[in-house]
Amino acid sequence: MWEDPIVAEVRRVRLAIEQECEGDFEKIYLQALAVQEKLADRVAATPASKVKEEEKVNLNSTSDCLVLAEVPDIESD
């Protein structure tokens, strides 16, 4: 079967991130937010004329983590 090198690279990186964060989704999420913040100047933005002020999202708000706080811990046997 043909293997797409880009897909293979994405899978390798995803696995490395999962291992680095010990499979903890909250750690993965917080790491992703940190990377987004660090690289914010490299992200292509939508022209301001198309984005209403109300639609802008503040990634630093605590509401972004609200769903994570509601997820109960699951202990594996």
PDB file of N, CA and C in Angstrom:
ATOM      1  N   MET A   1       0.841  -1.181   0.000  1.00  0.00           N
ATOM      2  CA  MET A   1       0.000   0.000   0.000  1.00  0.00           C
ATOM      3  C   MET A   1       0.886   1.245   0.000  1.00  0.00           C
ATOM      4  N   TRP A   2       0.484   2.235  -0.762  1.00  0.00           N
ATOM      5  CA  TRP A   2       1.241   3.479  -0.856  1.00  0.00           C
ATOM      6  C   TRP A   2       1.100   4.281   0.428  1.00  0.00           C
ATOM      7  N   GLU A   3       2.204   4.831   0.905  1.00  0.00           N
ATOM      8  CA  GLU A   3       2.193   5.627   2.130  1.00  0.00           C
ATOM      9  C   GLU A   3       2.500   7.079   1.792  1.00  0.00           C
ATOM     10  N   ASP A   4       1.593   7.972   2.145  1.00  0.00           N
ATOM     11  CA  ASP A   4       1.783   9.402   1.924  1.00  0.00           C
ATOM     12  C   ASP A   4       2.779   9.911   2.961  1.00  0.00           C
ATOM     13  N   PRO A   5       3.902  10.488   2.526  1.00  0.00           N
ATOM     14  CA  PRO A   5       4.920  10.932   3.477  1.00  0.00           C
ATOM     15  C   PRO A   5       4.435  12.046   4.414  1.00  0.00           C
ATOM     16  N   ILE A   6       3.533  12.888   3.941  1.00  0.00           N
ATOM     17  CA  ILE A   6       3.023  13.963   4.793  1.00  0.00           C
ATOM     18  C   ILE A   6       2.135  13.377   5.889  1.00  0.00           C
ATOM     19  N   VAL A   7       1.268  12.447   5.525  1.00  0.00           N
ATOM     20  CA  VAL A   7       0.407  11.794   6.513  1.00  0.00           C
ATOM     21  C   VAL A   7       1.263  11.039   7.524  1.00  0.00           C
ATOM     22  N   ALA A   8       2.291  10.361   7.064  1.00  0.00           N
ATOM     23  CA  ALA A   8       3.182   9.619   7.964  1.00  0.00           C
ATOM     24  C   ALA A   8       3.869  10.564   8.949  1.00  0.00           C
ATOM     25  N   GLU A   9       4.311  11.730   8.459  1.00  0.00           N
ATOM     26  CA  GLU A   9       4.968  12.704   9.332  1.00  0.00           C
ATOM     27  C   GLU A   9       3.993  13.239  10.380  1.00  0.00           C
ATOM     28  N   VAL A  10       2.776  13.564   9.961  1.00  0.00           N
ATOM     29  CA  VAL A  10       1.764  14.063  10.901  1.00  0.00           C
ATOM     30  C   VAL A  10       1.484  13.020  11.975  1.00  0.00           C
ATOM     31  N   ARG A  11       1.391  11.765  11.580  1.00  0.00           N
ATOM     32  CA  ARG A  11       1.139  10.697  12.557  1.00  0.00           C
ATOM     33  C   ARG A  11       2.305  10.531  13.528  1.00  0.00           C
ATOM     34  N   ARG A  12       3.545  10.639  13.010  1.00  0.00           N
ATOM     35  CA  ARG A  12       4.725  10.544  13.892  1.00  0.00           C
ATOM     36  C   ARG A  12       4.739  11.683  14.905  1.00  0.00           C
ATOM     37  N   VAL A  13       4.454  12.889  14.449  1.00  0.00           N
ATOM     38  CA  VAL A  13       4.454  14.055  15.336  1.00  0.00           C
ATOM     39  C   VAL A  13       3.335  13.933  16.367  1.00  0.00           C
ATOM     40  N   ARG A  14       2.139  13.497  15.915  1.00  0.00           N
ATOM     41  CA  ARG A  14       1.015  13.322  16.836  1.00  0.00           C
ATOM     42  C   ARG A  14       1.371  12.320  17.935  1.00  0.00           C
ATOM     43  N   LEU A  15       1.989  11.223  17.558  1.00  0.00           N
ATOM     44  CA  LEU A  15       2.380  10.212  18.534  1.00  0.00           C
ATOM     45  C   LEU A  15       3.413  10.765  19.517  1.00  0.00           C
ATOM     46  N   ALA A  16       4.365  11.544  19.021  1.00  0.00           N
ATOM     47  CA  ALA A  16       5.382  12.141  19.891  1.00  0.00           C
ATOM     48  C   ALA A  16       4.740  13.104  20.886  1.00  0.00           C
ATOM     49  N   ILE A  17       3.774  13.894  20.430  1.00  0.00           N
ATOM     50  CA  ILE A  17       3.082  14.824  21.320  1.00  0.00           C
ATOM     51  C   ILE A  17       2.285  14.049  22.364  1.00  0.00           C
ATOM     52  N   GLU A  18       1.585  13.001  21.952  1.00  0.00           N
ATOM     53  CA  GLU A  18       0.820  12.179  22.897  1.00  0.00           C
ATOM     54  C   GLU A  18       1.738  11.588  23.962  1.00  0.00           C
ATOM     55  N   GLN A  19       2.897  11.096  23.553  1.00  0.00           N
ATOM     56  CA  GLN A  19       3.838  10.503  24.514  1.00  0.00           C
ATOM     57  C   GLN A  19       4.405  11.569  25.446  1.00  0.00           C
ATOM     58  N   GLU A  20       4.737  12.726  24.888  1.00  0.00           N
ATOM     59  CA  GLU A  20       5.287  13.823  25.690  1.00  0.00           C
ATOM     60  C   GLU A  20       4.282  14.276  26.755  1.00  0.00           C
ATOM     61  N   CYS A  21       3.012  14.254  26.413  1.00  0.00           N
ATOM     62  CA  CYS A  21       1.947  14.697  27.326  1.00  0.00           C
ATOM     63  C   CYS A  21       1.327  13.534  28.096  1.00  0.00           C
ATOM     64  N   GLU A  22       1.930  12.373  27.998  1.00  0.00           N
ATOM     65  CA  GLU A  22       1.500  11.181  28.718  1.00  0.00           C
ATOM     66  C   GLU A  22       0.043  10.824  28.417  1.00  0.00           C
ATOM     67  N   GLY A  23      -0.407  11.117  27.195  1.00  0.00           N
ATOM     68  CA  GLY A  23      -1.759  10.781  26.785  1.00  0.00           C
ATOM     69  C   GLY A  23      -2.845  11.606  27.460  1.00  0.00           C
ATOM     70  N   ASP A  24      -2.460  12.622  28.212  1.00  0.00           N
ATOM     71  CA  ASP A  24      -3.411  13.471  28.940  1.00  0.00           C
ATOM     72  C   ASP A  24      -3.936  14.543  27.991  1.00  0.00           C
ATOM     73  N   PHE A  25      -5.242  14.471  27.645  1.00  0.00           N
ATOM     74  CA  PHE A  25      -5.817  15.397  26.684  1.00  0.00           C
ATOM     75  C   PHE A  25      -5.691  16.846  27.140  1.00  0.00           C
ATOM     76  N   GLU A  26      -5.840  17.102  28.421  1.00  0.00           N
ATOM     77  CA  GLU A  26      -5.724  18.481  28.913  1.00  0.00           C
ATOM     78  C   GLU A  26      -4.321  19.029  28.644  1.00  0.00           C
ATOM     79  N   LYS A  27      -3.288  18.210  28.881  1.00  0.00           N
ATOM     80  CA  LYS A  27      -1.918  18.645  28.603  1.00  0.00           C
ATOM     81  C   LYS A  27      -1.712  18.892  27.111  1.00  0.00           C
ATOM     82  N   ILE A  28      -2.274  18.023  26.269  1.00  0.00           N
ATOM     83  CA  ILE A  28      -2.168  18.186  24.819  1.00  0.00           C
ATOM     84  C   ILE A  28      -2.828  19.489  24.401  1.00  0.00           C
ATOM     85  N   TYR A  29      -4.019  19.747  24.934  1.00  0.00           N
ATOM     86  CA  TYR A  29      -4.775  20.961  24.613  1.00  0.00           C
ATOM     87  C   TYR A  29      -4.008  22.208  25.041  1.00  0.00           C
ATOM     88  N   LEU A  30      -3.490  22.202  26.268  1.00  0.00           N
ATOM     89  CA  LEU A  30      -2.757  23.368  26.761  1.00  0.00           C
ATOM     90  C   LEU A  30      -1.473  23.588  25.966  1.00  0.00           C
ATOM     91  N   GLN A  31      -0.820  22.506  25.562  1.00  0.00           N
ATOM     92  CA  GLN A  31       0.379  22.633  24.737  1.00  0.00           C
ATOM     93  C   GLN A  31       0.019  23.240  23.381  1.00  0.00           C
ATOM     94  N   ALA A  32      -1.099  22.809  22.797  1.00  0.00           N
ATOM     95  CA  ALA A  32      -1.540  23.367  21.513  1.00  0.00           C
ATOM     96  C   ALA A  32      -1.823  24.855  21.632  1.00  0.00           C
ATOM     97  N   LEU A  33      -2.462  25.266  22.725  1.00  0.00           N
ATOM     98  CA  LEU A  33      -2.724  26.690  22.932  1.00  0.00           C
ATOM     99  C   LEU A  33      -1.428  27.479  23.061  1.00  0.00           C
ATOM    100  N   ALA A  34      -0.454  26.916  23.766  1.00  0.00           N
ATOM    101  CA  ALA A  34       0.827  27.594  23.928  1.00  0.00           C
ATOM    102  C   ALA A  34       1.536  27.760  22.585  1.00  0.00           C
ATOM    103  N   VAL A  35       1.485  26.733  21.754  1.00  0.00           N
ATOM    104  CA  VAL A  35       2.104  26.809  20.425  1.00  0.00           C
ATOM    105  C   VAL A  35       1.393  27.853  19.573  1.00  0.00           C
ATOM    106  N   GLN A  36       0.057  27.872  19.631  1.00  0.00           N
ATOM    107  CA  GLN A  36      -0.705  28.870  18.879  1.00  0.00           C
ATOM    108  C   GLN A  36      -0.318  30.278  19.292  1.00  0.00           C
ATOM    109  N   GLU A  37      -0.189  30.495  20.592  1.00  0.00           N
ATOM    110  CA  GLU A  37       0.175  31.815  21.091  1.00  0.00           C
ATOM    111  C   GLU A  37       1.591  32.188  20.654  1.00  0.00           C
ATOM    112  N   LYS A  38       2.500  31.230  20.748  1.00  0.00           N
ATOM    113  CA  LYS A  38       3.895  31.483  20.386  1.00  0.00           C
ATOM    114  C   LYS A  38       4.036  31.816  18.897  1.00  0.00           C
ATOM    115  N   LEU A  39       3.237  31.158  18.061  1.00  0.00           N
ATOM    116  CA  LEU A  39       3.356  31.332  16.615  1.00  0.00           C
ATOM    117  C   LEU A  39       2.251  32.213  16.028  1.00  0.00           C
ATOM    118  N   ALA A  40       1.586  32.989  16.860  1.00  0.00           N
ATOM    119  CA  ALA A  40       0.448  33.798  16.411  1.00  0.00           C
ATOM    120  C   ALA A  40       0.819  34.741  15.272  1.00  0.00           C
ATOM    121  N   ASP A  41       2.042  35.223  15.259  1.00  0.00           N
ATOM    122  CA  ASP A  41       2.458  36.154  14.200  1.00  0.00           C
ATOM    123  C   ASP A  41       2.646  35.448  12.858  1.00  0.00           C
ATOM    124  N   ARG A  42       2.650  34.131  12.848  1.00  0.00           N
ATOM    125  CA  ARG A  42       2.835  33.378  11.604  1.00  0.00           C
ATOM    126  C   ARG A  42       1.529  32.833  11.035  1.00  0.00           C
ATOM    127  N   VAL A  43       0.417  33.090  11.720  1.00  0.00           N
ATOM    128  CA  VAL A  43      -0.878  32.587  11.285  1.00  0.00           C
ATOM    129  C   VAL A  43      -1.522  33.589  10.334  1.00  0.00           C
ATOM    130  N   ALA A  44      -2.035  33.088   9.219  1.00  0.00           N
ATOM    131  CA  ALA A  44      -2.721  33.962   8.273  1.00  0.00           C
ATOM    132  C   ALA A  44      -4.058  34.374   8.876  1.00  0.00           C
ATOM    133  N   ALA A  45      -4.303  35.660   8.895  1.00  0.00           N
ATOM    134  CA  ALA A  45      -5.530  36.181   9.481  1.00  0.00           C
ATOM    135  C   ALA A  45      -6.558  36.476   8.394  1.00  0.00           C
ATOM    136  N   THR A  46      -7.820  36.401   8.782  1.00  0.00           N
ATOM    137  CA  THR A  46      -8.907  36.785   7.893  1.00  0.00           C
ATOM    138  C   THR A  46      -8.925  38.308   7.828  1.00  0.00           C
ATOM    139  N   PRO A  47      -9.149  38.873   6.670  1.00  0.00           N
ATOM    140  CA  PRO A  47      -9.214  40.338   6.588  1.00  0.00           C
ATOM    141  C   PRO A  47     -10.214  40.893   7.603  1.00  0.00           C
ATOM    142  N   ALA A  48      -9.838  41.975   8.264  1.00  0.00           N
ATOM    143  CA  ALA A  48     -10.664  42.547   9.333  1.00  0.00           C
ATOM    144  C   ALA A  48     -12.067  42.896   8.860  1.00  0.00           C
ATOM    145  N   SER A  49     -12.216  43.233   7.605  1.00  0.00           N
ATOM    146  CA  SER A  49     -13.536  43.605   7.104  1.00  0.00           C
ATOM    147  C   SER A  49     -14.512  42.438   7.123  1.00  0.00           C
ATOM    148  N   LYS A  50     -14.012  41.217   7.158  1.00  0.00           N
ATOM    149  CA  LYS A  50     -14.874  40.039   7.153  1.00  0.00           C
ATOM    150  C   LYS A  50     -15.143  39.498   8.550  1.00  0.00           C
ATOM    151  N   VAL A  51     -14.432  39.988   9.546  1.00  0.00           N
ATOM    152  CA  VAL A  51     -14.577  39.471  10.902  1.00  0.00           C
ATOM    153  C   VAL A  51     -15.223  40.537  11.775  1.00  0.00           C
ATOM    154  N   LYS A  52     -16.369  40.194  12.349  1.00  0.00           N
ATOM    155  CA  LYS A  52     -17.037  41.105  13.269  1.00  0.00           C
ATOM    156  C   LYS A  52     -16.339  41.032  14.612  1.00  0.00           C
ATOM    157  N   GLU A  53     -16.308  42.116  15.316  1.00  0.00           N
ATOM    158  CA  GLU A  53     -15.644  42.174  16.620  1.00  0.00           C
ATOM    159  C   GLU A  53     -16.194  41.110  17.570  1.00  0.00           C
ATOM    160  N   GLU A  54     -17.515  40.844  17.521  1.00  0.00           N
ATOM    161  CA  GLU A  54     -18.124  39.867  18.424  1.00  0.00           C
ATOM    162  C   GLU A  54     -17.654  38.437  18.125  1.00  0.00           C
ATOM    163  N   GLU A  55     -17.201  38.187  16.909  1.00  0.00           N
ATOM    164  CA  GLU A  55     -16.830  36.836  16.514  1.00  0.00           C
ATOM    165  C   GLU A  55     -15.391  36.479  16.880  1.00  0.00           C
ATOM    166  N   LYS A  56     -14.615  37.455  17.278  1.00  0.00           N
ATOM    167  CA  LYS A  56     -13.224  37.182  17.641  1.00  0.00           C
ATOM    168  C   LYS A  56     -13.184  36.343  18.903  1.00  0.00           C
ATOM    169  N   VAL A  57     -12.267  35.394  18.945  1.00  0.00           N
ATOM    170  CA  VAL A  57     -12.159  34.468  20.066  1.00  0.00           C
ATOM    171  C   VAL A  57     -10.902  34.789  20.855  1.00  0.00           C
ATOM    172  N   ASN A  58     -11.035  34.840  22.163  1.00  0.00           N
ATOM    173  CA  ASN A  58      -9.892  35.056  23.038  1.00  0.00           C
ATOM    174  C   ASN A  58      -9.434  33.695  23.546  1.00  0.00           C
ATOM    175  N   LEU A  59      -8.323  33.190  23.016  1.00  0.00           N
ATOM    176  CA  LEU A  59      -7.844  31.862  23.395  1.00  0.00           C
ATOM    177  C   LEU A  59      -7.331  31.807  24.823  1.00  0.00           C
ATOM    178  N   ASN A  60      -7.125  32.970  25.440  1.00  0.00           N
ATOM    179  CA  ASN A  60      -6.621  32.984  26.804  1.00  0.00           C
ATOM    180  C   ASN A  60      -7.733  32.977  27.842  1.00  0.00           C
ATOM    181  N   SER A  61      -8.986  33.021  27.415  1.00  0.00           N
ATOM    182  CA  SER A  61     -10.079  33.052  28.375  1.00  0.00           C
ATOM    183  C   SER A  61     -10.234  31.694  29.050  1.00  0.00           C
ATOM    184  N   THR A  62     -10.741  31.705  30.258  1.00  0.00           N
ATOM    185  CA  THR A  62     -10.909  30.447  30.988  1.00  0.00           C
ATOM    186  C   THR A  62     -12.065  29.632  30.428  1.00  0.00           C
ATOM    187  N   SER A  63     -12.968  30.264  29.669  1.00  0.00           N
ATOM    188  CA  SER A  63     -14.095  29.511  29.117  1.00  0.00           C
ATOM    189  C   SER A  63     -13.635  28.450  28.127  1.00  0.00           C
ATOM    190  N   ASP A  64     -12.448  28.636  27.522  1.00  0.00           N
ATOM    191  CA  ASP A  64     -11.924  27.644  26.598  1.00  0.00           C
ATOM    192  C   ASP A  64     -11.605  26.338  27.304  1.00  0.00           C
ATOM    193  N   CYS A  65     -11.357  26.390  28.597  1.00  0.00           N
ATOM    194  CA  CYS A  65     -11.009  25.197  29.357  1.00  0.00           C
ATOM    195  C   CYS A  65     -12.205  24.634  30.116  1.00  0.00           C
ATOM    196  N   LEU A  66     -13.357  25.274  30.014  1.00  0.00           N
ATOM    197  CA  LEU A  66     -14.522  24.868  30.772  1.00  0.00           C
ATOM    198  C   LEU A  66     -14.904  23.421  30.505  1.00  0.00           C
ATOM    199  N   VAL A  67     -14.900  23.009  29.251  1.00  0.00           N
ATOM    200  CA  VAL A  67     -15.281  21.643  28.907  1.00  0.00           C
ATOM    201  C   VAL A  67     -14.324  20.654  29.550  1.00  0.00           C
ATOM    202  N   LEU A  68     -13.041  20.969  29.572  1.00  0.00           N
ATOM    203  CA  LEU A  68     -12.072  20.063  30.178  1.00  0.00           C
ATOM    204  C   LEU A  68     -12.345  19.889  31.665  1.00  0.00           C
ATOM    205  N   ALA A  69     -12.771  20.967  32.320  1.00  0.00           N
ATOM    206  CA  ALA A  69     -13.021  20.890  33.748  1.00  0.00           C
ATOM    207  C   ALA A  69     -14.235  20.019  34.053  1.00  0.00           C
ATOM    208  N   GLU A  70     -15.147  19.872  33.092  1.00  0.00           N
ATOM    209  CA  GLU A  70     -16.355  19.097  33.319  1.00  0.00           C
ATOM    210  C   GLU A  70     -16.176  17.609  33.019  1.00  0.00           C
ATOM    211  N   VAL A  71     -15.083  17.221  32.422  1.00  0.00           N
ATOM    212  CA  VAL A  71     -14.847  15.825  32.072  1.00  0.00           C
ATOM    213  C   VAL A  71     -14.295  15.101  33.299  1.00  0.00           C
ATOM    214  N   PRO A  72     -14.986  14.061  33.773  1.00  0.00           N
ATOM    215  CA  PRO A  72     -14.498  13.340  34.949  1.00  0.00           C
ATOM    216  C   PRO A  72     -13.243  12.521  34.620  1.00  0.00           C
ATOM    217  N   ASP A  73     -12.418  12.332  35.634  1.00  0.00           N
ATOM    218  CA  ASP A  73     -11.242  11.481  35.469  1.00  0.00           C
ATOM    219  C   ASP A  73     -11.702  10.032  35.325  1.00  0.00           C
ATOM    220  N   ILE A  74     -11.090   9.312  34.400  1.00  0.00           N
ATOM    221  CA  ILE A  74     -11.424   7.911  34.200  1.00  0.00           C
ATOM    222  C   ILE A  74     -10.209   7.086  34.584  1.00  0.00           C
ATOM    223  N   GLU A  75     -10.392   6.244  35.551  1.00  0.00           N
ATOM    224  CA  GLU A  75      -9.294   5.394  35.998  1.00  0.00           C
ATOM    225  C   GLU A  75      -9.318   4.098  35.215  1.00  0.00           C
ATOM    226  N   SER A  76      -8.172   3.709  34.683  1.00  0.00           N
ATOM    227  CA  SER A  76      -8.100   2.426  33.958  1.00  0.00           C
ATOM    228  C   SER A  76      -7.810   1.311  34.934  1.00  0.00           C
ATOM    229  N   ASP A  77      -8.359   0.157  34.643  1.00  0.00           N
ATOM    230  CA  ASP A  77      -8.174  -1.006  35.527  1.00  0.00           C
ATOM    231  C   ASP A  77      -6.902  -1.729  35.207  1.00  0.00           C
TER     232      ASP A  77
END
